[in-house]
C-alpha atoms as a PDB file:
ATOM      1  CA  MET A   1      -1.661  11.324  24.515  1.00  0.00           C
ATOM      2  CA  SER A   2       0.894   8.950  22.991  1.00  0.00           C
ATOM      3  CA  ASN A   3       3.852   9.865  21.095  1.00  0.00           C
ATOM      4  CA  ILE A   4       2.389   8.112  17.959  1.00  0.00           C
ATOM      5  CA  GLN A   5      -0.829  10.082  18.278  1.00  0.00           C
ATOM      6  CA  SER A   6       1.250  13.468  18.783  1.00  0.00           C
ATOM      7  CA  ASN A   7       3.101  12.447  15.518  1.00  0.00           C
ATOM      8  CA  VAL A   8      -0.166  11.853  13.586  1.00  0.00           C
ATOM      9  CA  GLU A   9      -1.963  14.951  14.897  1.00  0.00           C
ATOM     10  CA  TRP A  10       0.457  17.698  14.058  1.00  0.00           C
ATOM     11  CA  LEU A  11       0.164  16.102  10.041  1.00  0.00           C
ATOM     12  CA  ILE A  12      -4.136  16.598  10.439  1.00  0.00           C
ATOM     13  CA  PRO A  13      -4.188  20.426  10.145  1.00  0.00           C
ATOM     14  CA  THR A  14      -1.670  20.549   7.270  1.00  0.00           C
ATOM     15  CA  ILE A  15      -3.525  18.000   5.460  1.00  0.00           C
ATOM     16  CA  GLN A  16      -6.731  19.827   6.003  1.00  0.00           C
ATOM     17  CA  ALA A  17      -5.317  23.113   4.985  1.00  0.00           C
ATOM     18  CA  LEU A  18      -4.268  21.635   1.902  1.00  0.00           C
ATOM     19  CA  SER A  19      -7.279  20.136   1.224  1.00  0.00           C
ATOM     20  CA  LEU A  20      -9.057  23.452   1.619  1.00  0.00           C
ATOM     21  CA  GLU A  21      -6.274  25.014  -0.690  1.00  0.00           C
ATOM     22  CA  SER A  22      -6.904  22.521  -3.602  1.00  0.00           C
ATOM     23  CA  ILE A  23     -10.587  23.335  -3.329  1.00  0.00           C
ATOM     24  CA  LYS A  24      -9.959  26.947  -3.408  1.00  0.00           C
ATOM     25  CA  LEU A  25      -7.419  26.839  -6.160  1.00  0.00           C
ATOM     26  CA  LEU A  26      -9.722  24.767  -8.298  1.00  0.00           C
ATOM     27  CA  TRP A  27     -12.399  27.268  -7.805  1.00  0.00           C
ATOM     28  CA  ASN A  28     -10.009  29.863  -8.929  1.00  0.00           C
ATOM     29  CA  ILE A  29      -9.005  28.196 -12.013  1.00  0.00           C
ATOM     30  CA  ALA A  30     -12.931  27.601 -13.085  1.00  0.00           C
ATOM     31  CA  GLU A  31     -13.419  31.345 -12.236  1.00  0.00           C
ATOM     32  CA  LYS A  32     -10.514  32.174 -14.627  1.00  0.00           C
ATOM     33  CA  GLU A  33     -11.613  29.920 -17.158  1.00  0.00           C
ATOM     34  CA  SER A  34     -14.823  31.621 -17.191  1.00  0.00           C
ATOM     35  CA  GLU A  35     -13.382  35.210 -17.701  1.00  0.00           C
ATOM     36  CA  LEU A  36     -11.356  33.694 -20.404  1.00  0.00           C
ATOM     37  CA  ALA A  37     -14.499  33.396 -22.197  1.00  0.00           C
ATOM     38  CA  ASN A  38     -15.830  36.799 -21.644  1.00  0.00           C
ATOM     39  CA  LEU A  39     -12.303  38.568 -22.334  1.00  0.00           C
ATOM     40  CA  SER A  40      -9.728  39.348 -24.958  1.00  0.00           C
ATOM     41  CA  GLU A  41      -6.908  38.983 -22.459  1.00  0.00           C
ATOM     42  CA  VAL A  42      -6.347  35.525 -23.353  1.00  0.00           C
ATOM     43  CA  ILE A  43      -2.782  35.572 -22.770  1.00  0.00           C
ATOM     44  CA  ARG A  44      -2.926  37.006 -19.443  1.00  0.00           C
ATOM     45  CA  LEU A  45      -5.364  34.958 -18.141  1.00  0.00           C
ATOM     46  CA  ASN A  46      -3.748  31.728 -19.885  1.00  0.00           C
ATOM     47  CA  ALA A  47      -0.667  32.585 -17.645  1.00  0.00           C
ATOM     48  CA  GLU A  48      -2.938  33.210 -14.302  1.00  0.00           C
ATOM     49  CA  ILE A  49      -4.442  29.846 -14.923  1.00  0.00           C
ATOM     50  CA  LEU A  50      -1.120  28.138 -15.536  1.00  0.00           C
ATOM     51  CA  GLU A  51       0.508  29.418 -12.109  1.00  0.00           C
ATOM     52  CA  LEU A  52      -3.042  28.350 -10.412  1.00  0.00           C
ATOM     53  CA  LYS A  53      -2.726  25.006 -12.023  1.00  0.00           C
ATOM     54  CA  LYS A  54       1.018  24.904 -10.606  1.00  0.00           C
ATOM     55  CA  SER A  55      -0.045  25.790  -7.230  1.00  0.00           C
ATOM     56  CA  LEU A  56      -2.628  23.135  -7.219  1.00  0.00           C
ATOM     57  CA  ARG A  57      -0.145  20.459  -8.315  1.00  0.00           C
ATOM     58  CA  ASN A  58       2.196  21.748  -5.701  1.00  0.00           C
ATOM     59  CA  ALA A  59      -0.485  21.866  -3.084  1.00  0.00           C
ATOM     60  CA  GLN A  60      -1.788  18.313  -3.983  1.00  0.00           C
ATOM     61  CA  GLU A  61       1.812  16.925  -3.844  1.00  0.00           C
ATOM     62  CA  LYS A  62       2.482  18.365  -0.569  1.00  0.00           C
ATOM     63  CA  GLU A  63      -0.875  16.708   0.640  1.00  0.00           C
ATOM     64  CA  SER A  64      -0.201  13.487  -0.821  1.00  0.00           C
ATOM     65  CA  TRP A  65       3.353  13.313   1.111  1.00  0.00           C
ATOM     66  CA  TYR A  66       1.736  14.528   4.428  1.00  0.00           C
ATOM     67  CA  ARG A  67      -0.825  11.838   3.886  1.00  0.00           C
ATOM     68  CA  GLU A  68       1.855   8.980   3.319  1.00  0.00           C
ATOM     69  CA  GLU A  69       3.780  10.329   6.329  1.00  0.00           C
ATOM     70  CA  GLY A  70       0.640   9.762   8.474  1.00  0.00           C
ATOM     71  CA  ARG A  71      -0.042   6.466   6.944  1.00  0.00           C
ATOM     72  CA  GLN A  72       3.582   5.103   7.467  1.00  0.00           C
ATOM     73  CA  ILE A  73       3.233   6.331  11.093  1.00  0.00           C
ATOM     74  CA  MET A  74       0.286   4.469  11.720  1.00  0.00           C
ATOM     75  CA  LEU A  75       1.473   1.328   9.762  1.00  0.00           C
ATOM     76  CA  SER A  76       4.816   1.117  11.628  1.00  0.00           C
ATOM     77  CA  ASN A  77       3.141   1.394  14.779  1.00  0.00           C
ATOM     78  CA  ASP A  78       0.466  -1.205  13.622  1.00  0.00           C
ATOM     79  CA  MET A  79      -2.413   1.387  14.496  1.00  0.00           C
ATOM     80  CA  LYS A  80      -5.702   1.354  12.394  1.00  0.00           C
ATOM     81  CA  GLU A  81      -7.696   4.360  13.722  1.00  0.00           C
ATOM     82  CA  ILE A  82      -6.863   7.121  16.113  1.00  0.00           C
ATOM     83  CA  THR A  83      -9.197   9.638  17.696  1.00  0.00           C
ATOM     84  CA  MET A  84      -7.754  13.340  18.343  1.00  0.00           C
ATOM     85  CA  LEU A  85      -8.309  15.941  21.129  1.00  0.00           C
ATOM     86  CA  ASP A  86     -10.603  17.734  18.570  1.00  0.00           C
ATOM     87  CA  TRP A  87     -12.457  14.208  18.077  1.00  0.00           C
ATOM     88  CA  THR A  88     -11.122  13.973  14.441  1.00  0.00           C
ATOM     89  CA  ILE A  89     -10.974  10.634  13.554  1.00  0.00           C
ATOM     90  CA  VAL A  90      -7.997   9.251  11.424  1.00  0.00           C
ATOM     91  CA  SER A  91      -7.993   5.582  10.138  1.00  0.00           C
ATOM     92  CA  LEU A  92      -6.368   3.473   7.466  1.00  0.00           C
ATOM     93  CA  HIS A  93      -8.630   1.666   4.991  1.00  0.00           C
ATOM     94  CA  PHE A  94      -7.504  -1.181   3.492  1.00  0.00           C
ATOM     95  CA  SER A  95      -8.339  -2.176   0.042  1.00  0.00           C
ATOM     96  CA  PRO A  96      -9.129  -5.777  -0.795  1.00  0.00           C
ATOM     97  CA  TRP A  97      -5.925  -7.747  -1.492  1.00  0.00           C
ATOM     98  CA  ALA A  98      -5.067  -8.044  -5.182  1.00  0.00           C
ATOM     99  CA  LEU A  99      -2.504 -10.419  -6.925  1.00  0.00           C
ATOM    100  CA  VAL A 100       0.442  -8.900  -8.784  1.00  0.00           C
ATOM    101  CA  VAL A 101       2.361 -10.662 -11.017  1.00  0.00           C
ATOM    102  CA  GLU A 102       5.530  -9.240 -12.189  1.00  0.00           C
ATOM    103  CA  GLU A 103       6.984 -12.293 -14.508  1.00  0.00           C
ATOM    104  CA  TRP A 104       4.196 -14.525 -15.701  1.00  0.00           C
ATOM    105  CA  ALA A 105       6.805 -16.641 -17.170  1.00  0.00           C
ATOM    106  CA  GLU A 106       7.810 -17.914 -13.845  1.00  0.00           C
ATOM    107  CA  ILE A 107       4.400 -19.141 -12.897  1.00  0.00           C
ATOM    108  CA  PRO A 108       4.033 -23.027 -13.189  1.00  0.00           C
ATOM    109  CA  ASP A 109       1.628 -24.466 -15.718  1.00  0.00           C
ATOM    110  CA  ASN A 110      -0.301 -26.013 -12.986  1.00  0.00           C
ATOM    111  CA  PHE A 111      -1.735 -22.385 -12.081  1.00  0.00           C
ATOM    112  CA  TYR A 112      -3.084 -21.678 -15.292  1.00  0.00           C
ATOM    113  CA  LYS A 113      -6.637 -22.273 -16.518  1.00  0.00           C
ATOM    114  CA  VAL A 114      -7.459 -23.500 -20.134  1.00  0.00           C
ATOM    115  CA  LYS A 115     -10.561 -21.943 -21.199  1.00  0.00           C
ATOM    116  CA  THR A 116     -12.546 -23.257 -24.065  1.00  0.00           C
ATOM    117  CA  SER A 117     -15.765 -21.639 -24.849  1.00  0.00           C
ATOM    118  CA  ARG A 118     -18.236 -20.974 -27.669  1.00  0.00           C
ATOM    119  CA  ASP A 119     -19.945 -17.705 -27.536  1.00  0.00           C
ATOM    120  CA  LEU A 120     -22.356 -16.324 -29.991  1.00  0.00           C
ATOM    121  CA  ASP A 121     -21.589 -13.290 -31.892  1.00  0.00           C
ATOM    122  CA  LYS A 122     -24.711 -11.580 -31.139  1.00  0.00           C
ATOM    123  CA  THR A 123     -23.629  -8.241 -32.722  1.00  0.00           C
ATOM    124  CA  ALA A 124     -22.959 -10.041 -36.045  1.00  0.00           C
ATOM    125  CA  ILE A 125     -26.259 -11.789 -36.134  1.00  0.00           C
ATOM    126  CA  LYS A 126     -27.736  -8.529 -35.280  1.00  0.00           C
ATOM    127  CA  LYS A 127     -26.214  -6.958 -38.171  1.00  0.00           C
ATOM    128  CA  ALA A 128     -26.929  -9.870 -40.617  1.00  0.00           C
ATOM    129  CA  ILE A 129     -30.751  -9.738 -39.561  1.00  0.00           C
ATOM    130  CA  THR A 130     -30.913  -5.887 -40.004  1.00  0.00           C
ATOM    131  CA  GLU A 131     -28.972  -6.275 -43.617  1.00  0.00           C
ATOM    132  CA  TRP A 132     -31.481  -9.359 -44.453  1.00  0.00           C
ATOM    133  CA  THR A 133     -28.641 -11.704 -44.934  1.00  0.00           C
ATOM    134  CA  PHE A 134     -29.782 -13.883 -42.121  1.00  0.00           C
ATOM    135  CA  ASP A 135     -33.157 -15.475 -42.236  1.00  0.00           C
ATOM    136  CA  ASN A 136     -34.454 -17.952 -39.112  1.00  0.00           C
ATOM    137  CA  SER A 137     -37.966 -17.427 -37.275  1.00  0.00           C
ATOM    138  CA  LYS A 138     -36.391 -18.634 -34.062  1.00  0.00           C
ATOM    139  CA  VAL A 139     -33.986 -15.834 -33.994  1.00  0.00           C
ATOM    140  CA  TYR A 140     -35.029 -12.152 -34.092  1.00  0.00           C
ATOM    141  CA  ILE A 141     -34.583  -8.556 -32.321  1.00  0.00           C
ATOM    142  CA  GLN A 142     -36.927  -7.650 -29.456  1.00  0.00           C
ATOM    143  CA  LYS A 143     -36.995  -4.263 -28.299  1.00  0.00           C
ATOM    144  CA  ASP A 144     -38.184  -3.975 -24.776  1.00  0.00           C
ATOM    145  CA  CYS A 145     -40.472  -1.659 -23.393  1.00  0.00           C
ATOM    146  CA  LYS A 146     -40.914  -0.933 -19.798  1.00  0.00           C
ATOM    147  CA  PHE A 147     -43.449   0.830 -17.700  1.00  0.00           C
ATOM    148  CA  ILE A 148     -42.103   2.689 -14.911  1.00  0.00           C
ATOM    149  CA  ILE A 149     -44.162   4.847 -12.485  1.00  0.00           C
ATOM    150  CA  LYS A 150     -42.219   7.157 -10.451  1.00  0.00           C
ATOM    151  CA  THR A 151     -43.812   9.008  -7.421  1.00  0.00           C
ATOM    152  CA  LYS A 152     -42.423  11.959  -5.403  1.00  0.00           C
END
């Protein structure tokens, strides 16, 4: 087993445990909120819900930190996927690239498109037709009706 794999491998159980803890805490929050509707102990339950939400936020922050740690280890070693000893597959999924422009004023004019278009304001026309302030036989409102058959 490579050193990189062992560095990432120790993160996986922690991430999985924190993810399960988040699910458990979400369940507890929902449970307490449902109790809230049935009990007069609103203040106590609100305090418990607040504590659970703090614990949830803490668990999610830790999980996020460990995920970022694993991501950085894999990126710094130019690895996209690792299969662990227990056959767990850890991989990086890259989103499509996105252009970020922090200062629009620094972009030369030749990189701008000039758009000139003329579009119908269909909402205004529909309103005018329904208010009887626009009358043209070539313009009308049509409602579609679809015949759909669903089989099981």
